[in-house]
mmCIF file of all heavy atoms, coordinates in Angstrom:
data_MODEL
# 
_entry.id   MODEL 
# 
loop_
_atom_site.group_PDB 
_atom_site.id 
_atom_site.type_symbol 
_atom_site.label_atom_id 
_atom_site.label_alt_id 
_atom_site.label_comp_id 
_atom_site.label_asym_id 
_atom_site.label_entity_id 
_atom_site.label_seq_id 
_atom_site.pdbx_PDB_ins_code 
_atom_site.Cartn_x 
_atom_site.Cartn_y 
_atom_site.Cartn_z 
_atom_site.occupancy 
_atom_site.B_iso_or_equiv 
_atom_site.pdbx_formal_charge 
_atom_site.auth_seq_id 
_atom_site.auth_comp_id 
_atom_site.auth_asym_id 
_atom_site.auth_atom_id 
_atom_site.pdbx_PDB_model_num 
ATOM 1   N N   . GLU A 1 1  ? 0.828   -1.193 0.021   1.00 0.00 ? 1  GLU A N   1 
ATOM 2   C CA  . GLU A 1 1  ? 0.018   -0.004 0.029   1.00 0.00 ? 1  GLU A CA  1 
ATOM 3   C C   . GLU A 1 1  ? 0.837   1.265  -0.016  1.00 0.00 ? 1  GLU A C   1 
ATOM 4   O O   . GLU A 1 1  ? 0.456   2.276  -0.337  1.00 0.00 ? 1  GLU A O   1 
ATOM 5   C CB  . GLU A 1 1  ? -0.998  -0.026 1.201   1.00 0.00 ? 1  GLU A CB  1 
ATOM 6   C CG  . GLU A 1 1  ? -0.376  0.224  2.558   1.00 0.00 ? 1  GLU A CG  1 
ATOM 7   C CD  . GLU A 1 1  ? 0.190   -1.009 3.270   1.00 0.00 ? 1  GLU A CD  1 
ATOM 8   O OE1 . GLU A 1 1  ? 0.258   -2.032 2.584   1.00 0.00 ? 1  GLU A OE1 1 
ATOM 9   O OE2 . GLU A 1 1  ? 0.604   -0.815 4.311   1.00 0.00 ? 1  GLU A OE2 1 
ATOM 10  N N   . THR A 1 2  ? 2.075   1.079  0.469   1.00 0.00 ? 2  THR A N   1 
ATOM 11  C CA  . THR A 1 2  ? 2.993   2.266  0.427   1.00 0.00 ? 2  THR A CA  1 
ATOM 12  C C   . THR A 1 2  ? 3.256   2.811  -0.941  1.00 0.00 ? 2  THR A C   1 
ATOM 13  O O   . THR A 1 2  ? 3.571   3.975  -1.067  1.00 0.00 ? 2  THR A O   1 
ATOM 14  C CB  . THR A 1 2  ? 4.427   1.857  1.129   1.00 0.00 ? 2  THR A CB  1 
ATOM 15  O OG1 . THR A 1 2  ? 4.918   0.787  0.387   1.00 0.00 ? 2  THR A OG1 1 
ATOM 16  C CG2 . THR A 1 2  ? 4.250   1.568  2.547   1.00 0.00 ? 2  THR A CG2 1 
ATOM 17  N N   . SER A 1 3  ? 3.083   1.997  -1.971  1.00 0.00 ? 3  SER A N   1 
ATOM 18  C CA  . SER A 1 3  ? 3.271   2.538  -3.397  1.00 0.00 ? 3  SER A CA  1 
ATOM 19  C C   . SER A 1 3  ? 2.119   3.533  -3.701  1.00 0.00 ? 3  SER A C   1 
ATOM 20  O O   . SER A 1 3  ? 2.390   4.490  -4.344  1.00 0.00 ? 3  SER A O   1 
ATOM 21  C CB  . SER A 1 3  ? 3.286   1.330  -4.354  1.00 0.00 ? 3  SER A CB  1 
ATOM 22  O OG  . SER A 1 3  ? 2.050   0.670  -4.394  1.00 0.00 ? 3  SER A OG  1 
ATOM 23  N N   . LEU A 1 4  ? 1.000   3.178  -3.181  1.00 0.00 ? 4  LEU A N   1 
ATOM 24  C CA  . LEU A 1 4  ? -0.161  4.186  -3.362  1.00 0.00 ? 4  LEU A CA  1 
ATOM 25  C C   . LEU A 1 4  ? 0.054   5.395  -2.528  1.00 0.00 ? 4  LEU A C   1 
ATOM 26  O O   . LEU A 1 4  ? -0.109  6.550  -3.002  1.00 0.00 ? 4  LEU A O   1 
ATOM 27  C CB  . LEU A 1 4  ? -1.466  3.540  -3.008  1.00 0.00 ? 4  LEU A CB  1 
ATOM 28  C CG  . LEU A 1 4  ? -1.916  2.258  -3.866  1.00 0.00 ? 4  LEU A CG  1 
ATOM 29  C CD1 . LEU A 1 4  ? -3.193  1.717  -3.331  1.00 0.00 ? 4  LEU A CD1 1 
ATOM 30  C CD2 . LEU A 1 4  ? -2.080  2.648  -5.325  1.00 0.00 ? 4  LEU A CD2 1 
ATOM 31  N N   . GLU A 1 5  ? 0.469   5.219  -1.309  1.00 0.00 ? 5  GLU A N   1 
ATOM 32  C CA  . GLU A 1 5  ? 0.700   6.298  -0.380  1.00 0.00 ? 5  GLU A CA  1 
ATOM 33  C C   . GLU A 1 5  ? 1.879   7.222  -0.935  1.00 0.00 ? 5  GLU A C   1 
ATOM 34  O O   . GLU A 1 5  ? 1.779   8.440  -0.927  1.00 0.00 ? 5  GLU A O   1 
ATOM 35  C CB  . GLU A 1 5  ? 1.099   5.775  0.957   1.00 0.00 ? 5  GLU A CB  1 
ATOM 36  C CG  . GLU A 1 5  ? 1.002   6.797  2.084   1.00 0.00 ? 5  GLU A CG  1 
ATOM 37  C CD  . GLU A 1 5  ? 1.119   6.116  3.480   1.00 0.00 ? 5  GLU A CD  1 
ATOM 38  O OE1 . GLU A 1 5  ? 1.686   5.051  3.530   1.00 0.00 ? 5  GLU A OE1 1 
ATOM 39  O OE2 . GLU A 1 5  ? 0.599   6.727  4.403   1.00 0.00 ? 5  GLU A OE2 1 
ATOM 40  N N   . LYS A 1 6  ? 2.886   6.597  -1.510  1.00 0.00 ? 6  LYS A N   1 
ATOM 41  C CA  . LYS A 1 6  ? 4.020   7.299  -2.051  1.00 0.00 ? 6  LYS A CA  1 
ATOM 42  C C   . LYS A 1 6  ? 3.564   8.189  -3.257  1.00 0.00 ? 6  LYS A C   1 
ATOM 43  O O   . LYS A 1 6  ? 3.970   9.340  -3.373  1.00 0.00 ? 6  LYS A O   1 
ATOM 44  C CB  . LYS A 1 6  ? 5.110   6.388  -2.486  1.00 0.00 ? 6  LYS A CB  1 
ATOM 45  C CG  . LYS A 1 6  ? 6.356   6.958  -2.945  1.00 0.00 ? 6  LYS A CG  1 
ATOM 46  C CD  . LYS A 1 6  ? 7.389   5.961  -3.379  1.00 0.00 ? 6  LYS A CD  1 
ATOM 47  C CE  . LYS A 1 6  ? 8.617   6.693  -3.923  1.00 0.00 ? 6  LYS A CE  1 
ATOM 48  N NZ  . LYS A 1 6  ? 9.591   5.685  -4.499  1.00 0.00 ? 6  LYS A NZ  1 
ATOM 49  N N   . LEU A 1 7  ? 2.740   7.578  -4.081  1.00 0.00 ? 7  LEU A N   1 
ATOM 50  C CA  . LEU A 1 7  ? 2.225   8.259  -5.248  1.00 0.00 ? 7  LEU A CA  1 
ATOM 51  C C   . LEU A 1 7  ? 1.463   9.532  -4.808  1.00 0.00 ? 7  LEU A C   1 
ATOM 52  O O   . LEU A 1 7  ? 1.594   10.609 -5.411  1.00 0.00 ? 7  LEU A O   1 
ATOM 53  C CB  . LEU A 1 7  ? 1.279   7.424  -6.025  1.00 0.00 ? 7  LEU A CB  1 
ATOM 54  C CG  . LEU A 1 7  ? 0.669   7.970  -7.297  1.00 0.00 ? 7  LEU A CG  1 
ATOM 55  C CD1 . LEU A 1 7  ? 1.637   8.386  -8.319  1.00 0.00 ? 7  LEU A CD1 1 
ATOM 56  C CD2 . LEU A 1 7  ? -0.417  7.026  -7.905  1.00 0.00 ? 7  LEU A CD2 1 
ATOM 57  N N   . ILE A 1 8  ? 0.618   9.461  -3.800  1.00 0.00 ? 8  ILE A N   1 
ATOM 58  C CA  . ILE A 1 8  ? -0.171  10.573 -3.304  1.00 0.00 ? 8  ILE A CA  1 
ATOM 59  C C   . ILE A 1 8  ? 0.818   11.600 -2.735  1.00 0.00 ? 8  ILE A C   1 
ATOM 60  O O   . ILE A 1 8  ? 0.652   12.784 -3.064  1.00 0.00 ? 8  ILE A O   1 
ATOM 61  C CB  . ILE A 1 8  ? -1.142  10.130 -2.210  1.00 0.00 ? 8  ILE A CB  1 
ATOM 62  C CG1 . ILE A 1 8  ? -2.135  9.089  -2.776  1.00 0.00 ? 8  ILE A CG1 1 
ATOM 63  C CG2 . ILE A 1 8  ? -1.865  11.259 -1.540  1.00 0.00 ? 8  ILE A CG2 1 
ATOM 64  C CD1 . ILE A 1 8  ? -3.175  9.655  -3.765  1.00 0.00 ? 8  ILE A CD1 1 
ATOM 65  N N   . LYS A 1 9  ? 1.692   11.214 -1.836  1.00 0.00 ? 9  LYS A N   1 
ATOM 66  C CA  . LYS A 1 9  ? 2.570   12.172 -1.116  1.00 0.00 ? 9  LYS A CA  1 
ATOM 67  C C   . LYS A 1 9  ? 3.536   12.952 -2.066  1.00 0.00 ? 9  LYS A C   1 
ATOM 68  O O   . LYS A 1 9  ? 3.839   14.081 -1.840  1.00 0.00 ? 9  LYS A O   1 
ATOM 69  C CB  . LYS A 1 9  ? 3.381   11.431 -0.126  1.00 0.00 ? 9  LYS A CB  1 
ATOM 70  C CG  . LYS A 1 9  ? 2.697   11.047 1.114   1.00 0.00 ? 9  LYS A CG  1 
ATOM 71  C CD  . LYS A 1 9  ? 3.489   10.479 2.210   1.00 0.00 ? 9  LYS A CD  1 
ATOM 72  C CE  . LYS A 1 9  ? 2.687   10.144 3.405   1.00 0.00 ? 9  LYS A CE  1 
ATOM 73  N NZ  . LYS A 1 9  ? 3.483   9.488  4.474   1.00 0.00 ? 9  LYS A NZ  1 
ATOM 74  N N   . GLU A 1 10 ? 3.958   12.318 -3.148  1.00 0.00 ? 10 GLU A N   1 
ATOM 75  C CA  . GLU A 1 10 ? 4.876   12.933 -4.085  1.00 0.00 ? 10 GLU A CA  1 
ATOM 76  C C   . GLU A 1 10 ? 4.125   13.841 -5.171  1.00 0.00 ? 10 GLU A C   1 
ATOM 77  O O   . GLU A 1 10 ? 4.783   14.431 -6.021  1.00 0.00 ? 10 GLU A O   1 
ATOM 78  C CB  . GLU A 1 10 ? 5.712   11.853 -4.848  1.00 0.00 ? 10 GLU A CB  1 
ATOM 79  C CG  . GLU A 1 10 ? 6.675   11.151 -3.930  1.00 0.00 ? 10 GLU A CG  1 
ATOM 80  C CD  . GLU A 1 10 ? 7.387   10.092 -4.621  1.00 0.00 ? 10 GLU A CD  1 
ATOM 81  O OE1 . GLU A 1 10 ? 7.018   9.660  -5.774  1.00 0.00 ? 10 GLU A OE1 1 
ATOM 82  O OE2 . GLU A 1 10 ? 8.361   9.515  -4.024  1.00 0.00 ? 10 GLU A OE2 1 
ATOM 83  N N   . SER A 1 11 ? 2.805   13.991 -4.973  1.00 0.00 ? 11 SER A N   1 
ATOM 84  C CA  . SER A 1 11 ? 2.107   14.842 -5.942  1.00 0.00 ? 11 SER A CA  1 
ATOM 85  C C   . SER A 1 11 ? 1.653   16.140 -5.332  1.00 0.00 ? 11 SER A C   1 
ATOM 86  O O   . SER A 1 11 ? 1.578   16.256 -4.108  1.00 0.00 ? 11 SER A O   1 
ATOM 87  C CB  . SER A 1 11 ? 0.862   14.091 -6.461  1.00 0.00 ? 11 SER A CB  1 
ATOM 88  O OG  . SER A 1 11 ? 1.223   12.842 -7.046  1.00 0.00 ? 11 SER A OG  1 
ATOM 89  N N   . SER A 1 12 ? 1.330   17.050 -6.131  1.00 0.00 ? 12 SER A N   1 
ATOM 90  C CA  . SER A 1 12 ? 0.819   18.344 -5.669  1.00 0.00 ? 12 SER A CA  1 
ATOM 91  C C   . SER A 1 12 ? -0.527  18.171 -4.989  1.00 0.00 ? 12 SER A C   1 
ATOM 92  O O   . SER A 1 12 ? -1.228  17.182 -5.256  1.00 0.00 ? 12 SER A O   1 
ATOM 93  C CB  . SER A 1 12 ? 0.643   19.370 -6.852  1.00 0.00 ? 12 SER A CB  1 
ATOM 94  O OG  . SER A 1 12 ? -0.401  18.897 -7.737  1.00 0.00 ? 12 SER A OG  1 
ATOM 95  N N   . LYS A 1 13 ? -0.943  19.140 -4.206  1.00 0.00 ? 13 LYS A N   1 
ATOM 96  C CA  . LYS A 1 13 ? -2.245  19.081 -3.464  1.00 0.00 ? 13 LYS A CA  1 
ATOM 97  C C   . LYS A 1 13 ? -3.396  18.829 -4.401  1.00 0.00 ? 13 LYS A C   1 
ATOM 98  O O   . LYS A 1 13 ? -4.266  18.038 -4.172  1.00 0.00 ? 13 LYS A O   1 
ATOM 99  C CB  . LYS A 1 13 ? -2.442  20.294 -2.625  1.00 0.00 ? 13 LYS A CB  1 
ATOM 100 C CG  . LYS A 1 13 ? -1.601  20.372 -1.409  1.00 0.00 ? 13 LYS A CG  1 
ATOM 101 C CD  . LYS A 1 13 ? -2.161  19.534 -0.328  1.00 0.00 ? 13 LYS A CD  1 
ATOM 102 C CE  . LYS A 1 13 ? -1.319  19.708 0.930   1.00 0.00 ? 13 LYS A CE  1 
ATOM 103 N NZ  . LYS A 1 13 ? -1.590  18.666 1.924   1.00 0.00 ? 13 LYS A NZ  1 
ATOM 104 N N   . GLU A 1 14 ? -3.369  19.545 -5.442  1.00 0.00 ? 14 GLU A N   1 
ATOM 105 C CA  . GLU A 1 14 ? -4.481  19.483 -6.466  1.00 0.00 ? 14 GLU A CA  1 
ATOM 106 C C   . GLU A 1 14 ? -4.542  18.108 -7.051  1.00 0.00 ? 14 GLU A C   1 
ATOM 107 O O   . GLU A 1 14 ? -5.569  17.472 -7.208  1.00 0.00 ? 14 GLU A O   1 
ATOM 108 C CB  . GLU A 1 14 ? -4.331  20.601 -7.546  1.00 0.00 ? 14 GLU A CB  1 
ATOM 109 C CG  . GLU A 1 14 ? -5.490  20.652 -8.488  1.00 0.00 ? 14 GLU A CG  1 
ATOM 110 C CD  . GLU A 1 14 ? -5.274  21.755 -9.477  1.00 0.00 ? 14 GLU A CD  1 
ATOM 111 O OE1 . GLU A 1 14 ? -4.241  21.903 -10.118 1.00 0.00 ? 14 GLU A OE1 1 
ATOM 112 O OE2 . GLU A 1 14 ? -6.337  22.484 -9.687  1.00 0.00 ? 14 GLU A OE2 1 
ATOM 113 N N   . LYS A 1 15 ? -3.341  17.586 -7.464  1.00 0.00 ? 15 LYS A N   1 
ATOM 114 C CA  . LYS A 1 15 ? -3.270  16.315 -8.112  1.00 0.00 ? 15 LYS A CA  1 
ATOM 115 C C   . LYS A 1 15 ? -3.653  15.168 -7.148  1.00 0.00 ? 15 LYS A C   1 
ATOM 116 O O   . LYS A 1 15 ? -4.165  14.116 -7.521  1.00 0.00 ? 15 LYS A O   1 
ATOM 117 C CB  . LYS A 1 15 ? -1.906  16.089 -8.756  1.00 0.00 ? 15 LYS A CB  1 
ATOM 118 C CG  . LYS A 1 15 ? -1.733  14.928 -9.521  1.00 0.00 ? 15 LYS A CG  1 
ATOM 119 C CD  . LYS A 1 15 ? -0.440  14.761 -10.223 1.00 0.00 ? 15 LYS A CD  1 
ATOM 120 C CE  . LYS A 1 15 ? -0.344  13.435 -11.029 1.00 0.00 ? 15 LYS A CE  1 
ATOM 121 N NZ  . LYS A 1 15 ? 1.112   13.330 -11.642 1.00 0.00 ? 15 LYS A NZ  1 
ATOM 122 N N   . GLN A 1 16 ? -3.317  15.334 -5.932  1.00 0.00 ? 16 GLN A N   1 
ATOM 123 C CA  . GLN A 1 16 ? -3.591  14.328 -4.881  1.00 0.00 ? 16 GLN A CA  1 
ATOM 124 C C   . GLN A 1 16 ? -5.047  13.863 -4.904  1.00 0.00 ? 16 GLN A C   1 
ATOM 125 O O   . GLN A 1 16 ? -5.352  12.721 -4.809  1.00 0.00 ? 16 GLN A O   1 
ATOM 126 C CB  . GLN A 1 16 ? -3.211  14.777 -3.537  1.00 0.00 ? 16 GLN A CB  1 
ATOM 127 C CG  . GLN A 1 16 ? -1.665  14.817 -3.283  1.00 0.00 ? 16 GLN A CG  1 
ATOM 128 C CD  . GLN A 1 16 ? -1.344  15.283 -1.871  1.00 0.00 ? 16 GLN A CD  1 
ATOM 129 O OE1 . GLN A 1 16 ? -2.245  15.607 -1.022  1.00 0.00 ? 16 GLN A OE1 1 
ATOM 130 N NE2 . GLN A 1 16 ? -0.009  15.337 -1.628  1.00 0.00 ? 16 GLN A NE2 1 
ATOM 131 N N   . GLN A 1 17 ? -5.957  14.846 -4.933  1.00 0.00 ? 17 GLN A N   1 
ATOM 132 C CA  . GLN A 1 17 ? -7.348  14.490 -4.879  1.00 0.00 ? 17 GLN A CA  1 
ATOM 133 C C   . GLN A 1 17 ? -7.791  13.731 -6.104  1.00 0.00 ? 17 GLN A C   1 
ATOM 134 O O   . GLN A 1 17 ? -8.559  12.840 -6.075  1.00 0.00 ? 17 GLN A O   1 
ATOM 135 C CB  . GLN A 1 17 ? -8.228  15.773 -4.769  1.00 0.00 ? 17 GLN A CB  1 
ATOM 136 C CG  . GLN A 1 17 ? -9.653  15.534 -4.443  1.00 0.00 ? 17 GLN A CG  1 
ATOM 137 C CD  . GLN A 1 17 ? -9.863  14.615 -3.269  1.00 0.00 ? 17 GLN A CD  1 
ATOM 138 O OE1 . GLN A 1 17 ? -9.260  14.731 -2.210  1.00 0.00 ? 17 GLN A OE1 1 
ATOM 139 N NE2 . GLN A 1 17 ? -10.850 13.667 -3.370  1.00 0.00 ? 17 GLN A NE2 1 
ATOM 140 N N   . TRP A 1 18 ? -7.245  14.098 -7.271  1.00 0.00 ? 18 TRP A N   1 
ATOM 141 C CA  . TRP A 1 18 ? -7.598  13.347 -8.495  1.00 0.00 ? 18 TRP A CA  1 
ATOM 142 C C   . TRP A 1 18 ? -7.016  11.992 -8.513  1.00 0.00 ? 18 TRP A C   1 
ATOM 143 O O   . TRP A 1 18 ? -7.694  11.055 -8.898  1.00 0.00 ? 18 TRP A O   1 
ATOM 144 C CB  . TRP A 1 18 ? -7.102  14.187 -9.696  1.00 0.00 ? 18 TRP A CB  1 
ATOM 145 C CG  . TRP A 1 18 ? -7.653  15.521 -9.844  1.00 0.00 ? 18 TRP A CG  1 
ATOM 146 C CD1 . TRP A 1 18 ? -8.898  15.962 -9.389  1.00 0.00 ? 18 TRP A CD1 1 
ATOM 147 C CD2 . TRP A 1 18 ? -6.985  16.712 -10.381 1.00 0.00 ? 18 TRP A CD2 1 
ATOM 148 N NE1 . TRP A 1 18 ? -9.073  17.323 -9.754  1.00 0.00 ? 18 TRP A NE1 1 
ATOM 149 C CE2 . TRP A 1 18 ? -7.917  17.767 -10.326 1.00 0.00 ? 18 TRP A CE2 1 
ATOM 150 C CE3 . TRP A 1 18 ? -5.813  16.876 -11.007 1.00 0.00 ? 18 TRP A CE3 1 
ATOM 151 C CZ2 . TRP A 1 18 ? -7.568  19.012 -10.842 1.00 0.00 ? 18 TRP A CZ2 1 
ATOM 152 C CZ3 . TRP A 1 18 ? -5.510  18.142 -11.498 1.00 0.00 ? 18 TRP A CZ3 1 
ATOM 153 C CH2 . TRP A 1 18 ? -6.320  19.168 -11.415 1.00 0.00 ? 18 TRP A CH2 1 
ATOM 154 N N   . LEU A 1 19 ? -5.841  11.857 -7.987  1.00 0.00 ? 19 LEU A N   1 
ATOM 155 C CA  . LEU A 1 19 ? -5.234  10.492 -7.853  1.00 0.00 ? 19 LEU A CA  1 
ATOM 156 C C   . LEU A 1 19 ? -6.093  9.640  -6.916  1.00 0.00 ? 19 LEU A C   1 
ATOM 157 O O   . LEU A 1 19 ? -6.383  8.512  -7.274  1.00 0.00 ? 19 LEU A O   1 
ATOM 158 C CB  . LEU A 1 19 ? -3.771  10.559 -7.326  1.00 0.00 ? 19 LEU A CB  1 
ATOM 159 C CG  . LEU A 1 19 ? -2.731  11.110 -8.299  1.00 0.00 ? 19 LEU A CG  1 
ATOM 160 C CD1 . LEU A 1 19 ? -1.492  11.415 -7.581  1.00 0.00 ? 19 LEU A CD1 1 
ATOM 161 C CD2 . LEU A 1 19 ? -2.505  10.143 -9.423  1.00 0.00 ? 19 LEU A CD2 1 
ATOM 162 N N   . ARG A 1 20 ? -6.502  10.281 -5.799  1.00 0.00 ? 20 ARG A N   1 
ATOM 163 C CA  . ARG A 1 20 ? -7.367  9.489  -4.825  1.00 0.00 ? 20 ARG A CA  1 
ATOM 164 C C   . ARG A 1 20 ? -8.648  9.052  -5.457  1.00 0.00 ? 20 ARG A C   1 
ATOM 165 O O   . ARG A 1 20 ? -9.138  7.957  -5.284  1.00 0.00 ? 20 ARG A O   1 
ATOM 166 C CB  . ARG A 1 20 ? -7.688  10.405 -3.654  1.00 0.00 ? 20 ARG A CB  1 
ATOM 167 C CG  . ARG A 1 20 ? -6.668  10.463 -2.615  1.00 0.00 ? 20 ARG A CG  1 
ATOM 168 C CD  . ARG A 1 20 ? -7.148  11.219 -1.358  1.00 0.00 ? 20 ARG A CD  1 
ATOM 169 N NE  . ARG A 1 20 ? -6.091  11.295 -0.331  1.00 0.00 ? 20 ARG A NE  1 
ATOM 170 C CZ  . ARG A 1 20 ? -5.293  12.261 -0.140  1.00 0.00 ? 20 ARG A CZ  1 
ATOM 171 N NH1 . ARG A 1 20 ? -5.436  13.333 -0.887  1.00 0.00 ? 20 ARG A NH1 1 
ATOM 172 N NH2 . ARG A 1 20 ? -4.407  12.296 0.774   1.00 0.00 ? 20 ARG A NH2 1 
ATOM 173 N N   . GLU A 1 21 ? -9.202  9.973  -6.336  1.00 0.00 ? 21 GLU A N   1 
ATOM 174 C CA  . GLU A 1 21 ? -10.447 9.585  -7.082  1.00 0.00 ? 21 GLU A CA  1 
ATOM 175 C C   . GLU A 1 21 ? -10.228 8.433  -7.912  1.00 0.00 ? 21 GLU A C   1 
ATOM 176 O O   . GLU A 1 21 ? -11.095 7.552  -7.932  1.00 0.00 ? 21 GLU A O   1 
ATOM 177 C CB  . GLU A 1 21 ? -10.891 10.847 -7.906  1.00 0.00 ? 21 GLU A CB  1 
ATOM 178 C CG  . GLU A 1 21 ? -12.237 10.698 -8.530  1.00 0.00 ? 21 GLU A CG  1 
ATOM 179 C CD  . GLU A 1 21 ? -12.650 11.930 -9.261  1.00 0.00 ? 21 GLU A CD  1 
ATOM 180 O OE1 . GLU A 1 21 ? -12.169 13.099 -8.962  1.00 0.00 ? 21 GLU A OE1 1 
ATOM 181 O OE2 . GLU A 1 21 ? -13.383 11.802 -10.232 1.00 0.00 ? 21 GLU A OE2 1 
ATOM 182 N N   . GLY A 1 22 ? -9.121  8.396  -8.716  1.00 0.00 ? 22 GLY A N   1 
ATOM 183 C CA  . GLY A 1 22 ? -8.940  7.251  -9.588  1.00 0.00 ? 22 GLY A CA  1 
ATOM 184 C C   . GLY A 1 22 ? -8.690  5.944  -8.711  1.00 0.00 ? 22 GLY A C   1 
ATOM 185 O O   . GLY A 1 22 ? -9.259  4.887  -9.124  1.00 0.00 ? 22 GLY A O   1 
ATOM 186 N N   . ILE A 1 23 ? -7.841  6.042  -7.705  1.00 0.00 ? 23 ILE A N   1 
ATOM 187 C CA  . ILE A 1 23 ? -7.602  4.861  -6.860  1.00 0.00 ? 23 ILE A CA  1 
ATOM 188 C C   . ILE A 1 23 ? -8.940  4.407  -6.216  1.00 0.00 ? 23 ILE A C   1 
ATOM 189 O O   . ILE A 1 23 ? -9.202  3.218  -6.132  1.00 0.00 ? 23 ILE A O   1 
ATOM 190 C CB  . ILE A 1 23 ? -6.481  5.198  -5.800  1.00 0.00 ? 23 ILE A CB  1 
ATOM 191 C CG1 . ILE A 1 23 ? -5.184  5.525  -6.533  1.00 0.00 ? 23 ILE A CG1 1 
ATOM 192 C CG2 . ILE A 1 23 ? -6.365  4.059  -4.781  1.00 0.00 ? 23 ILE A CG2 1 
ATOM 193 C CD1 . ILE A 1 23 ? -4.116  6.104  -5.632  1.00 0.00 ? 23 ILE A CD1 1 
ATOM 194 N N   . PHE A 1 24 ? -9.665  5.334  -5.663  1.00 0.00 ? 24 PHE A N   1 
ATOM 195 C CA  . PHE A 1 24 ? -10.898 4.992  -5.019  1.00 0.00 ? 24 PHE A CA  1 
ATOM 196 C C   . PHE A 1 24 ? -11.819 4.150  -5.929  1.00 0.00 ? 24 PHE A C   1 
ATOM 197 O O   . PHE A 1 24 ? -12.432 3.209  -5.501  1.00 0.00 ? 24 PHE A O   1 
ATOM 198 C CB  . PHE A 1 24 ? -11.608 6.307  -4.508  1.00 0.00 ? 24 PHE A CB  1 
ATOM 199 C CG  . PHE A 1 24 ? -13.004 6.026  -3.952  1.00 0.00 ? 24 PHE A CG  1 
ATOM 200 C CD1 . PHE A 1 24 ? -13.143 5.668  -2.651  1.00 0.00 ? 24 PHE A CD1 1 
ATOM 201 C CD2 . PHE A 1 24 ? -14.153 6.155  -4.771  1.00 0.00 ? 24 PHE A CD2 1 
ATOM 202 C CE1 . PHE A 1 24 ? -14.384 5.418  -2.152  1.00 0.00 ? 24 PHE A CE1 1 
ATOM 203 C CE2 . PHE A 1 24 ? -15.375 5.928  -4.234  1.00 0.00 ? 24 PHE A CE2 1 
ATOM 204 C CZ  . PHE A 1 24 ? -15.500 5.497  -2.907  1.00 0.00 ? 24 PHE A CZ  1 
# 
């Protein structure tokens, strides 16, 4: 799960929400 967490953390705030949306 750290690969998903890493992807989120390494992204801008705006992009984080969109990444979360796709993962969700």
